[in-house]
Amino acid sequence: MKLKWESVSTLHQNVFLIKLVSAILITGLTFRFFIFRFGQISPVQVSVTGNPDSMISPPSVILSDNEDLLPVDIVVEKCDLFTGKWIKDPLGPLYTNGSCGIFVDAHQDCITNGRPDSGFLYWKWKPNDCSLPRFDPHRFLQLMRNKSWAFIGDSIARNHVESLLCMLSTVEKPVEVYHDENYRSKRWRFPSHNLTISNIWSPFLVHADIFEDSNGVSSGAVQLHLDRLDKTWTDLFPSLDYAIISSGEWFLKTAVYHENANPVGCHGCLASANMTDLGFDYAYNTSLRHVLDFVARSDTKGMSFFRTSIPDHFENGEWDSGGNCKRTDPVSDGEMEMKNLNKILRDVEISQFERVVMEMGQEESGNLKLLDFAGMLLTRPDGHPGPYREFRPFDKGKNAKVQNDCLHWCLPGPIDYLNDVILEIVVNG
């Protein structure tokens, strides 16, 4: 009996030891998981004093329940990258005003200009039905080795190309290799990857005689030739591997319209001009028809993107009538309605794109893509420079009268996430 009792006792001791070791292992693995999950978050710091060396930490944010990844048991056959919502992002932008000020237009360098809040930097775009990977500059540069890109259009296109340059410069600094006489068209090269990125200034995409000074003050109506494309971009287009074409806002300006070298009407012209006011939508329709027909017929194997115009967020007025944009957070879907003028521009864009795709046929239209960011950016009224398009606009007094910019986008800012979407389309179609 004694021997049997000792055997049972030994058995109980062994079982106890096994349970103890298992508990220790499970506790250790759980601790390592939490360290790995949360220990890697390193918030970006930004300057809010106009001095890149002076930094503040981002506001406290709570990890969102809406993660980028879908449950493993859900299979999505097709994803609409343009329908979704903005969710909090503790990581913030890839770059800062201090690290990329050299490439950013001074009017869009909001933090350096003294914008006091930084919460607008800590949101990311999340499509409803699929994941959207964070933009990977290493991957982009590897994929685009020996390639050429061009952003063709107005100042929003310039805003966009500066965003991309800043994101890529975290890996390799680009070198400016060309600029036109007025520094409106530029080209950069990433030497290690032989990648060139161009910004081509062509606000109407068609030939235009513009009579404005550097501050946008006009001395006469634009003379717009609706059936003559602007050679500034068409001469370069066939050699491009990727092109993003856009227009829109400039068609709202007062202009005289020409077709077949003859004046046919105008928009916003005086009654004394003795011309028919055809409206800006007529000019935009006609111009885009010629632009997209050219793209469809062009002998190029490159990929072309047509980007719809992006709505502004002026409230309590417009650019020239005291409008402002004071919001500091995104708005929910449906909280802000697109303005009628922006709706008209977008309707023209969508109808002309659908027309040319139908005429090209499914097989031929594979290299022409639509980028419709209107809804995505409509909910980000917090992302504009506002009064901080100028350096420290309120130094002379908090009630100083200053010009607000509620059309262009702060850099860093929401426009950076256009590049996340574009890279996903390039990689996965």
Foldseek 3Di string as FASTA:
>chain_A
DVVVVVVVVVVVVVVVVVVVVVVVVVVVVVVVVVCVVPVVADADWAAQPLDRVDTDGADDDDDDPDDQADPPVDDDPDFDQQAFAKDFARHFDQAYCSQQVVLDDLLQQQRSLRDPHDRQRGIATHGDPHGQDDDDLVVVLVVQQLAEEEEEAAVQSSLLVSLVQRNNVVPAHWDWDDADPVRQKTKTARVVRRYIYIYFYDQLQFDKDFAADPVRDHPDAIETEQQHGDCSDLVCVQVHQEYEYEHAPVLQTWHFYDYPNHTQATDPDDVVVVGHHPDSLVSNLSNLLNVLVCVLPRPHPHAYEYEAAAAFDFDPDDQPGQTFQDDQDFADQPPFDGDPSSVSSRVSVVVSVVVSDVVSDDVSCPRYYYHYNHRVCRRCQNFFSFQSSHRNQAPVHPPDDGGTDRRHGHVVHDSSNSSSVVVCVVVPD
